[in-house]
Amino acid sequence: MSRIRNKAVLAGLAAALWLAAGPSFAASPAADPAGDFKLTSSAFPAETTIPTKYSCNGQDISPPLAWSGAPAGAKSFALIMDDPDARPNTWVHWVLFDLPGDTQSLSENVPKTNELASGARHGNNGEPKIGYEGPCPPPGPVHHYHFKLYALDGKLGLKAGATKADVEKAMKGHALGEAHLVGLFKR
């Protein structure tokens, strides 16, 4: 009996450690166990330079994004793009949420409007302004731009202009999986 209880205690500790160190919004340790949920861009491969066109030195338009392998039961998606290399704090470049669950891509140059035709809503970036704000680091070392796509079990129902913090708070306990794409940029 004590061996069974010890296994249960160890399993509980393992789950607690995973939640503490793992993705912030995972619904459970089993969310996307095979890692099939992928986020890509036809404009740049992962861990390579984001073309100037998508930066403040270019047209400052959003790059095309596509995803596959979304977890079963995904009813909506939320996208956050930020730059953790910015100082003194992480800079938020894009917040988009309530993308319908059957969405599999975003075309280049997503309109910078409160609400898209699909019903998705933009949150505020770091300016704060609605829509995508491309990479624009100060001259110096390369910055890493994290595109994070969350598959959710329902819509968040927040109003346009919600902040990254608002979206993260609303997502807690509702994420079925998370996909990442990192692009680089330096001036």
C-alpha atoms as a PDB file:
ATOM      1  CA  MET A   1       0.000   0.000   0.000  1.00  0.00           C
ATOM      2  CA  SER A   2       2.797   2.457   0.849  1.00  0.00           C
ATOM      3  CA  ARG A   3       4.460   1.795  -2.537  1.00  0.00           C
ATOM      4  CA  ILE A   4       1.217   2.822  -4.289  1.00  0.00           C
ATOM      5  CA  ARG A   5       0.913   5.922  -2.114  1.00  0.00           C
ATOM      6  CA  ASN A   6       4.576   6.818  -2.825  1.00  0.00           C
ATOM      7  CA  LYS A   7       3.953   6.487  -6.581  1.00  0.00           C
ATOM      8  CA  ALA A   8       0.937   8.763  -6.291  1.00  0.00           C
ATOM      9  CA  VAL A   9       2.955  11.319  -4.312  1.00  0.00           C
ATOM     10  CA  LEU A  10       5.795  11.171  -6.871  1.00  0.00           C
ATOM     11  CA  ALA A  11       3.343  11.552  -9.754  1.00  0.00           C
ATOM     12  CA  GLY A  12       1.791  14.559  -8.039  1.00  0.00           C
ATOM     13  CA  LEU A  13       5.216  16.134  -7.466  1.00  0.00           C
ATOM     14  CA  ALA A  14       6.212  15.492 -11.090  1.00  0.00           C
ATOM     15  CA  ALA A  15       3.023  17.147 -12.325  1.00  0.00           C
ATOM     16  CA  ALA A  16       3.580  20.150 -10.026  1.00  0.00           C
ATOM     17  CA  LEU A  17       7.180  20.530 -11.231  1.00  0.00           C
ATOM     18  CA  TRP A  18       6.101  20.264 -14.868  1.00  0.00           C
ATOM     19  CA  LEU A  19       3.472  22.947 -14.391  1.00  0.00           C
ATOM     20  CA  ALA A  20       5.978  25.197 -12.618  1.00  0.00           C
ATOM     21  CA  ALA A  21       8.613  24.838 -15.353  1.00  0.00           C
ATOM     22  CA  GLY A  22       6.484  24.056 -18.404  1.00  0.00           C
ATOM     23  CA  PRO A  23       4.302  26.194 -20.650  1.00  0.00           C
ATOM     24  CA  SER A  24       2.465  28.880 -18.739  1.00  0.00           C
ATOM     25  CA  PHE A  25      -0.959  28.052 -20.090  1.00  0.00           C
ATOM     26  CA  ALA A  26      -0.970  24.297 -20.572  1.00  0.00           C
ATOM     27  CA  ALA A  27      -4.243  22.601 -19.749  1.00  0.00           C
ATOM     28  CA  SER A  28      -2.423  19.470 -18.601  1.00  0.00           C
ATOM     29  CA  PRO A  29       0.999  17.811 -18.832  1.00  0.00           C
ATOM     30  CA  ALA A  30      -0.386  15.741 -21.717  1.00  0.00           C
ATOM     31  CA  ALA A  31      -1.209  18.756 -23.926  1.00  0.00           C
ATOM     32  CA  ASP A  32       0.363  18.101 -27.347  1.00  0.00           C
ATOM     33  CA  PRO A  33       2.660  15.309 -26.073  1.00  0.00           C
ATOM     34  CA  ALA A  34       3.964  14.449 -29.554  1.00  0.00           C
ATOM     35  CA  GLY A  35       4.823  18.059 -30.338  1.00  0.00           C
ATOM     36  CA  ASP A  36       2.757  17.967 -33.539  1.00  0.00           C
ATOM     37  CA  PHE A  37       1.456  21.536 -33.153  1.00  0.00           C
ATOM     38  CA  LYS A  38       3.729  23.616 -35.404  1.00  0.00           C
ATOM     39  CA  LEU A  39       3.873  27.291 -36.354  1.00  0.00           C
ATOM     40  CA  THR A  40       5.789  28.336 -39.488  1.00  0.00           C
ATOM     41  CA  SER A  41       6.227  31.268 -41.852  1.00  0.00           C
ATOM     42  CA  SER A  42       6.861  31.104 -45.584  1.00  0.00           C
ATOM     43  CA  ALA A  43       8.776  34.396 -45.189  1.00  0.00           C
ATOM     44  CA  PHE A  44      11.544  32.992 -42.960  1.00  0.00           C
ATOM     45  CA  PRO A  45      12.550  29.623 -41.496  1.00  0.00           C
ATOM     46  CA  ALA A  46      12.677  29.264 -37.710  1.00  0.00           C
ATOM     47  CA  GLU A  47      15.705  30.810 -36.004  1.00  0.00           C
ATOM     48  CA  THR A  48      16.637  32.898 -39.067  1.00  0.00           C
ATOM     49  CA  THR A  49      16.413  36.606 -39.847  1.00  0.00           C
ATOM     50  CA  ILE A  50      12.987  38.131 -40.320  1.00  0.00           C
ATOM     51  CA  PRO A  51      13.060  39.969 -43.679  1.00  0.00           C
ATOM     52  CA  THR A  52      13.351  43.759 -43.441  1.00  0.00           C
ATOM     53  CA  LYS A  53       9.959  44.077 -45.151  1.00  0.00           C
ATOM     54  CA  TYR A  54       8.301  43.015 -41.859  1.00  0.00           C
ATOM     55  CA  SER A  55      10.274  45.501 -39.700  1.00  0.00           C
ATOM     56  CA  CYS A  56      10.163  49.216 -38.969  1.00  0.00           C
ATOM     57  CA  ASN A  57      12.901  49.617 -41.604  1.00  0.00           C
ATOM     58  CA  GLY A  58      10.567  48.161 -44.248  1.00  0.00           C
ATOM     59  CA  GLN A  59       6.808  48.101 -44.736  1.00  0.00           C
ATOM     60  CA  ASP A  60       6.153  47.136 -41.090  1.00  0.00           C
ATOM     61  CA  ILE A  61       3.542  44.565 -42.129  1.00  0.00           C
ATOM     62  CA  SER A  62       2.906  41.204 -40.483  1.00  0.00           C
ATOM     63  CA  PRO A  63       4.539  38.144 -42.034  1.00  0.00           C
ATOM     64  CA  PRO A  64       2.480  35.221 -43.321  1.00  0.00           C
ATOM     65  CA  LEU A  65       2.013  32.492 -40.695  1.00  0.00           C
ATOM     66  CA  ALA A  66       0.648  28.954 -40.956  1.00  0.00           C
ATOM     67  CA  TRP A  67       0.075  26.187 -38.432  1.00  0.00           C
ATOM     68  CA  SER A  68      -0.681  22.515 -38.399  1.00  0.00           C
ATOM     69  CA  GLY A  69      -1.269  19.750 -35.882  1.00  0.00           C
ATOM     70  CA  ALA A  70      -3.529  21.801 -33.614  1.00  0.00           C
ATOM     71  CA  PRO A  71      -4.836  19.786 -30.673  1.00  0.00           C
ATOM     72  CA  ALA A  72      -8.278  18.200 -31.025  1.00  0.00           C
ATOM     73  CA  GLY A  73     -10.977  20.370 -29.525  1.00  0.00           C
ATOM     74  CA  ALA A  74      -9.322  23.703 -30.367  1.00  0.00           C
ATOM     75  CA  LYS A  75     -12.160  26.214 -30.619  1.00  0.00           C
ATOM     76  CA  SER A  76      -9.992  29.315 -31.031  1.00  0.00           C
ATOM     77  CA  PHE A  77      -6.401  30.518 -31.232  1.00  0.00           C
ATOM     78  CA  ALA A  78      -4.494  33.397 -29.653  1.00  0.00           C
ATOM     79  CA  LEU A  79      -1.212  34.783 -30.978  1.00  0.00           C
ATOM     80  CA  ILE A  80       1.348  36.805 -29.053  1.00  0.00           C
ATOM     81  CA  MET A  81       4.589  38.093 -30.554  1.00  0.00           C
ATOM     82  CA  ASP A  82       7.144  39.623 -28.246  1.00  0.00           C
ATOM     83  CA  ASP A  83      10.843  40.429 -27.884  1.00  0.00           C
ATOM     84  CA  PRO A  84      12.317  39.242 -24.571  1.00  0.00           C
ATOM     85  CA  ASP A  85      15.691  40.794 -25.511  1.00  0.00           C
ATOM     86  CA  ALA A  86      14.236  44.314 -25.270  1.00  0.00           C
ATOM     87  CA  ARG A  87      15.338  46.343 -22.273  1.00  0.00           C
ATOM     88  CA  PRO A  88      14.279  47.014 -19.635  1.00  0.00           C
ATOM     89  CA  ASN A  89      11.257  44.746 -20.277  1.00  0.00           C
ATOM     90  CA  THR A  90       9.957  42.330 -22.889  1.00  0.00           C
ATOM     91  CA  TRP A  91       8.408  44.342 -25.722  1.00  0.00           C
ATOM     92  CA  VAL A  92       5.024  43.246 -27.089  1.00  0.00           C
ATOM     93  CA  HIS A  93       4.764  43.433 -30.883  1.00  0.00           C
ATOM     94  CA  TRP A  94       1.454  41.731 -31.601  1.00  0.00           C
ATOM     95  CA  VAL A  95      -1.602  40.444 -29.741  1.00  0.00           C
ATOM     96  CA  LEU A  96      -4.361  38.705 -31.696  1.00  0.00           C
ATOM     97  CA  PHE A  97      -7.037  36.486 -30.159  1.00  0.00           C
ATOM     98  CA  ASP A  98     -10.354  34.715 -30.814  1.00  0.00           C
ATOM     99  CA  LEU A  99      -9.138  33.411 -34.166  1.00  0.00           C
ATOM    100  CA  PRO A 100     -11.712  30.742 -35.129  1.00  0.00           C
ATOM    101  CA  GLY A 101     -10.710  27.144 -34.412  1.00  0.00           C
ATOM    102  CA  ASP A 102     -10.753  26.185 -38.095  1.00  0.00           C
ATOM    103  CA  THR A 103      -8.155  28.849 -38.964  1.00  0.00           C
ATOM    104  CA  GLN A 104      -4.858  27.426 -40.216  1.00  0.00           C
ATOM    105  CA  SER A 105      -3.025  30.519 -41.379  1.00  0.00           C
ATOM    106  CA  LEU A 106      -2.740  34.281 -41.435  1.00  0.00           C
ATOM    107  CA  SER A 107      -1.852  36.009 -44.665  1.00  0.00           C
ATOM    108  CA  GLU A 108       0.801  38.666 -44.949  1.00  0.00           C
ATOM    109  CA  ASN A 109      -0.240  42.169 -43.863  1.00  0.00           C
ATOM    110  CA  VAL A 110      -3.091  41.383 -41.463  1.00  0.00           C
ATOM    111  CA  PRO A 111      -5.178  44.581 -41.270  1.00  0.00           C
ATOM    112  CA  LYS A 112      -4.448  46.719 -38.209  1.00  0.00           C
ATOM    113  CA  THR A 113      -8.108  46.944 -37.224  1.00  0.00           C
ATOM    114  CA  ASN A 114      -9.873  46.210 -33.956  1.00  0.00           C
ATOM    115  CA  GLU A 115     -11.675  43.207 -35.433  1.00  0.00           C
ATOM    116  CA  LEU A 116     -10.930  41.061 -38.479  1.00  0.00           C
ATOM    117  CA  ALA A 117     -13.591  39.699 -40.843  1.00  0.00           C
ATOM    118  CA  SER A 118     -13.230  36.301 -39.097  1.00  0.00           C
ATOM    119  CA  GLY A 119     -14.230  37.811 -35.748  1.00  0.00           C
ATOM    120  CA  ALA A 120     -10.669  37.696 -34.378  1.00  0.00           C
ATOM    121  CA  ARG A 121      -9.687  40.731 -32.330  1.00  0.00           C
ATOM    122  CA  HIS A 122      -6.463  42.641 -32.005  1.00  0.00           C
ATOM    123  CA  GLY A 123      -5.030  43.545 -28.663  1.00  0.00           C
ATOM    124  CA  ASN A 124      -2.688  46.419 -27.986  1.00  0.00           C
ATOM    125  CA  ASN A 125       0.999  46.091 -28.731  1.00  0.00           C
ATOM    126  CA  GLY A 126       3.635  47.884 -26.647  1.00  0.00           C
ATOM    127  CA  GLU A 127       2.979  51.339 -28.143  1.00  0.00           C
ATOM    128  CA  PRO A 128       0.009  50.786 -27.225  1.00  0.00           C
ATOM    129  CA  LYS A 129      -1.591  50.501 -30.656  1.00  0.00           C
ATOM    130  CA  ILE A 130      -3.810  47.931 -32.336  1.00  0.00           C
ATOM    131  CA  GLY A 131      -2.159  45.385 -34.623  1.00  0.00           C
ATOM    132  CA  TYR A 132       1.269  44.196 -35.631  1.00  0.00           C
ATOM    133  CA  GLU A 133       4.377  46.234 -34.885  1.00  0.00           C
ATOM    134  CA  GLY A 134       7.476  44.865 -36.589  1.00  0.00           C
ATOM    135  CA  PRO A 135      10.955  44.412 -35.164  1.00  0.00           C
ATOM    136  CA  CYS A 136      12.686  47.718 -34.460  1.00  0.00           C
ATOM    137  CA  PRO A 137      15.501  47.087 -31.982  1.00  0.00           C
ATOM    138  CA  PRO A 138      18.200  49.653 -31.254  1.00  0.00           C
ATOM    139  CA  PRO A 139      21.483  49.089 -33.084  1.00  0.00           C
ATOM    140  CA  GLY A 140      23.418  46.290 -31.438  1.00  0.00           C
ATOM    141  CA  PRO A 141      23.076  42.575 -30.851  1.00  0.00           C
ATOM    142  CA  VAL A 142      20.458  40.397 -32.507  1.00  0.00           C
ATOM    143  CA  HIS A 143      16.998  40.243 -30.922  1.00  0.00           C
ATOM    144  CA  HIS A 144      14.805  37.127 -30.795  1.00  0.00           C
ATOM    145  CA  TYR A 145      11.152  37.606 -31.758  1.00  0.00           C
ATOM    146  CA  HIS A 146       8.856  34.939 -30.317  1.00  0.00           C
ATOM    147  CA  PHE A 147       5.601  34.182 -32.129  1.00  0.00           C
ATOM    148  CA  LYS A 148       3.531  32.077 -29.700  1.00  0.00           C
ATOM    149  CA  LEU A 149       0.299  30.510 -30.892  1.00  0.00           C
ATOM    150  CA  TYR A 150      -2.068  29.050 -28.302  1.00  0.00           C
ATOM    151  CA  ALA A 151      -4.829  26.554 -29.135  1.00  0.00           C
ATOM    152  CA  LEU A 152      -7.715  27.219 -26.752  1.00  0.00           C
ATOM    153  CA  ASP A 153     -10.844  25.338 -25.702  1.00  0.00           C
ATOM    154  CA  GLY A 154     -13.061  28.375 -26.385  1.00  0.00           C
ATOM    155  CA  LYS A 155     -13.034  32.046 -27.287  1.00  0.00           C
ATOM    156  CA  LEU A 156     -11.632  34.527 -24.775  1.00  0.00           C
ATOM    157  CA  GLY A 157     -14.372  37.077 -25.403  1.00  0.00           C
ATOM    158  CA  LEU A 158     -12.143  40.030 -24.527  1.00  0.00           C
ATOM    159  CA  LYS A 159     -12.647  43.403 -26.154  1.00  0.00           C
ATOM    160  CA  ALA A 160     -10.299  44.698 -28.835  1.00  0.00           C
ATOM    161  CA  GLY A 161      -7.360  46.501 -27.280  1.00  0.00           C
ATOM    162  CA  ALA A 162      -6.808  43.907 -24.553  1.00  0.00           C
ATOM    163  CA  THR A 163      -3.208  43.730 -23.367  1.00  0.00           C
ATOM    164  CA  LYS A 164      -0.897  40.732 -23.448  1.00  0.00           C
ATOM    165  CA  ALA A 165      -1.454  40.395 -19.688  1.00  0.00           C
ATOM    166  CA  ASP A 166      -5.246  40.416 -20.185  1.00  0.00           C
ATOM    167  CA  VAL A 167      -4.998  37.676 -22.802  1.00  0.00           C
ATOM    168  CA  GLU A 168      -2.615  35.561 -20.712  1.00  0.00           C
ATOM    169  CA  LYS A 169      -4.903  35.834 -17.699  1.00  0.00           C
ATOM    170  CA  ALA A 170      -7.976  34.861 -19.742  1.00  0.00           C
ATOM    171  CA  MET A 171      -6.110  31.870 -21.256  1.00  0.00           C
ATOM    172  CA  LYS A 172      -5.182  30.291 -17.928  1.00  0.00           C
ATOM    173  CA  GLY A 173      -6.631  26.805 -17.767  1.00  0.00           C
ATOM    174  CA  HIS A 174      -7.926  26.974 -21.361  1.00  0.00           C
ATOM    175  CA  ALA A 175      -4.829  26.185 -23.455  1.00  0.00           C
ATOM    176  CA  LEU A 176      -4.807  22.835 -25.207  1.00  0.00           C
ATOM    177  CA  GLY A 177      -1.404  23.380 -26.784  1.00  0.00           C
ATOM    178  CA  GLU A 178       1.189  25.937 -27.774  1.00  0.00           C
ATOM    179  CA  ALA A 179       3.331  26.346 -30.894  1.00  0.00           C
ATOM    180  CA  HIS A 180       6.371  28.602 -31.247  1.00  0.00           C
ATOM    181  CA  LEU A 181       8.279  30.286 -34.024  1.00  0.00           C
ATOM    182  CA  VAL A 182      11.337  32.406 -33.324  1.00  0.00           C
ATOM    183  CA  GLY A 183      12.692  34.919 -35.826  1.00  0.00           C
ATOM    184  CA  LEU A 184      15.795  37.067 -35.512  1.00  0.00           C
ATOM    185  CA  PHE A 185      16.394  40.707 -36.323  1.00  0.00           C
ATOM    186  CA  LYS A 186      19.191  43.200 -35.765  1.00  0.00           C
ATOM    187  CA  ARG A 187      19.893  46.759 -36.878  1.00  0.00           C
END
